[in-house]
Structures are given as structure tokens and as C-alpha cells.
Protein backbone atom coordinates (compact mmCIF):
# COMPACT_ATOMS: atom_id res chain seq x y z
CA MET A 1 -38.73 -25.37 8.70
CA ASN A 2 -37.27 -25.40 4.80
CA THR A 3 -37.73 -22.43 4.57
CA ARG A 4 -35.30 -21.41 7.58
CA ALA A 5 -32.99 -23.66 6.06
CA PHE A 6 -33.02 -21.57 3.17
CA PHE A 7 -33.07 -18.55 5.10
CA PHE A 8 -29.91 -19.90 6.70
CA ILE A 9 -27.80 -21.16 3.91
CA LEU A 10 -28.74 -18.15 1.85
CA SER A 11 -27.56 -15.95 4.59
CA LEU A 12 -24.44 -18.11 4.88
CA LEU A 13 -23.71 -18.29 1.49
CA ALA A 14 -23.46 -14.26 0.98
CA VAL A 15 -21.24 -14.21 4.35
CA ILE A 16 -18.73 -16.07 2.62
CA ALA A 17 -19.16 -14.51 -0.82
CA THR A 18 -18.41 -11.66 0.79
CA ALA A 19 -15.12 -12.46 2.92
CA SER A 20 -13.87 -14.48 -0.52
CA ALA A 21 -14.53 -10.75 -2.03
CA SER A 22 -12.22 -9.16 0.57
CA VAL A 23 -9.42 -11.15 0.03
CA GLY A 24 -6.25 -9.59 -1.06
CA SER A 25 -7.29 -6.66 -1.50
CA TYR A 26 -6.74 -3.13 -0.62
CA LYS A 27 -6.99 -2.38 2.75
CA PRO A 28 -6.00 1.32 4.99
CA ILE A 29 -2.81 1.53 7.07
CA PRO A 30 -4.52 2.20 10.42
CA ASP A 31 -1.75 4.52 11.52
CA LEU A 32 0.54 5.84 8.72
CA HIS A 33 3.55 7.11 11.81
CA ASP A 34 4.07 3.45 12.58
CA PRO A 35 7.96 3.76 12.21
CA HIS A 36 7.45 0.22 9.49
CA VAL A 37 5.48 1.98 7.34
CA GLN A 38 7.30 5.65 7.55
CA GLU A 39 10.70 3.25 6.81
CA ILE A 40 9.11 1.37 3.73
CA ALA A 41 8.28 5.55 2.46
CA LYS A 42 11.87 6.40 2.87
CA TYR A 43 13.16 3.50 1.36
CA ALA A 44 10.68 4.54 -2.06
CA VAL A 45 11.90 7.72 -2.39
CA SER A 46 15.90 6.37 -1.56
CA GLU A 47 15.21 3.83 -4.70
CA HIS A 48 13.22 6.17 -6.55
CA ASN A 49 15.83 8.86 -6.52
CA LYS A 50 18.91 5.85 -7.49
CA HIS A 51 17.21 5.38 -10.90
CA THR A 52 16.69 9.35 -11.38
CA SER A 53 18.49 12.35 -12.79
CA ALA A 54 20.44 13.73 -9.85
CA ALA A 55 18.65 17.32 -10.99
CA ARG A 56 15.80 15.79 -10.13
CA LEU A 57 16.02 14.02 -6.74
CA LEU A 58 13.79 13.74 -3.87
CA GLU A 59 13.21 14.31 -0.21
CA TYR A 60 10.73 12.65 1.62
CA VAL A 61 7.86 14.97 3.64
CA GLU A 62 5.21 12.61 4.52
CA ILE A 63 2.88 9.83 3.67
CA VAL A 64 -0.31 11.27 2.83
CA LYS A 65 -2.03 7.92 2.59
CA GLY A 66 -1.61 4.71 2.96
CA GLU A 67 -2.90 0.53 2.19
CA SER A 68 -1.94 -2.35 2.36
CA GLN A 69 -2.87 -5.76 0.82
CA VAL A 70 -0.79 -9.01 1.29
CA VAL A 71 -0.05 -11.56 -0.98
CA THR A 72 2.42 -13.82 -0.71
CA GLY A 73 3.99 -11.08 1.28
CA ILE A 74 2.59 -7.61 1.66
CA ASN A 75 2.15 -4.31 -0.92
CA TYR A 76 2.39 -1.62 0.19
CA ARG A 77 1.10 1.61 -1.34
CA LEU A 78 1.76 4.84 -0.18
CA VAL A 79 0.90 8.58 -2.32
CA ILE A 80 4.12 10.05 -1.02
CA SER A 81 4.34 14.30 -0.23
CA ALA A 82 8.31 15.06 -1.23
CA LYS A 83 10.32 18.07 -2.15
CA ASP A 84 11.41 17.91 -5.61
CA GLY A 85 13.35 21.45 -5.78
CA GLY A 86 9.95 23.26 -7.44
CA GLY A 87 8.20 22.31 -4.54
CA VAL A 88 6.34 19.74 -2.50
CA ASN A 89 4.37 17.38 -4.67
CA ASN A 90 2.41 13.69 -4.25
CA PHE A 91 3.88 10.80 -5.36
CA VAL A 92 2.41 7.30 -5.27
CA ALA A 93 4.32 4.51 -4.58
CA VAL A 94 4.37 0.21 -4.66
CA VAL A 95 6.59 -0.80 -2.43
CA TYR A 96 6.48 -5.00 -2.53
CA GLU A 97 7.73 -6.52 1.50
CA LYS A 98 8.23 -10.25 2.03
CA PRO A 99 9.15 -9.58 6.44
CA TRP A 100 10.37 -13.28 7.25
CA ALA A 101 12.93 -12.82 3.71
CA HIS A 102 13.83 -9.27 5.28
CA TYR A 103 12.96 -8.23 1.48
CA LEU A 104 11.66 -4.76 0.06
CA SER A 105 11.53 -3.89 -3.57
CA LEU A 106 9.95 -0.59 -5.26
CA THR A 107 6.96 -1.74 -7.43
CA SER A 108 6.20 1.47 -8.98
CA PHE A 109 6.91 5.65 -8.40
CA SER A 110 4.88 7.59 -10.40
CA THR A 111 3.66 11.65 -9.74
CA VAL A 112 0.04 11.73 -8.31
CA ASN A 113 -2.30 13.63 -11.25
């Protein structure tokens, strides 16, 4: 009986450790064509354009990859394809959202190497 209890407790601890390790981690976004996710990607490009020179304005093309992370709100890490005059390039954008407050903020935006 002691061996059974030991393995039960060990199994339970393994499950708890696995679950706690995934809290706050980025998870793939299952539907990149979801209108809300598309809106966030377009917001990221628009905000980037507001803070850059007129010669380097980007035009949104599509989302290549996306992940979300639940924190106090939601972080969206998106790989976005956009035209920049010289062709199409990929960019990584992180957008923070507080859905209940209708709040969006572009945290970072950079070229994919």
C-alpha cells in the first residue's frame, strides 16, 4: 500500500509541475484568420507606420505565425508579412491587449532575420 501511495503522490506532483510550467507560456493561435487576430496584426502595422519615416511605410499582407500568452491581459506575438516598397518581408510584432478595457499597445516590432 505504501508503494501505491508513493507512486500516486509522485504522479500527482508530476502533473502539477507540468501544469504550472505552462501557465503564462506562449501557445499557438489556432486560427490566424480569426477577425480579431487579423485586427491586432493590422493594428501592429499601423502603429509601426506612425512611428517610422514616410519612406518606410508598411502595407499589411498576412499573418505567417501567431502565438498568444495569457498574463494580466493577453500578449500576441505575431509574425506578419508586409510590403515595404522593396518587396515583402516578415516582421515580429508583440501586441498587449486588455480586452475588458478595449486597450491595445504595440510592445515591439522588428524585422525577422
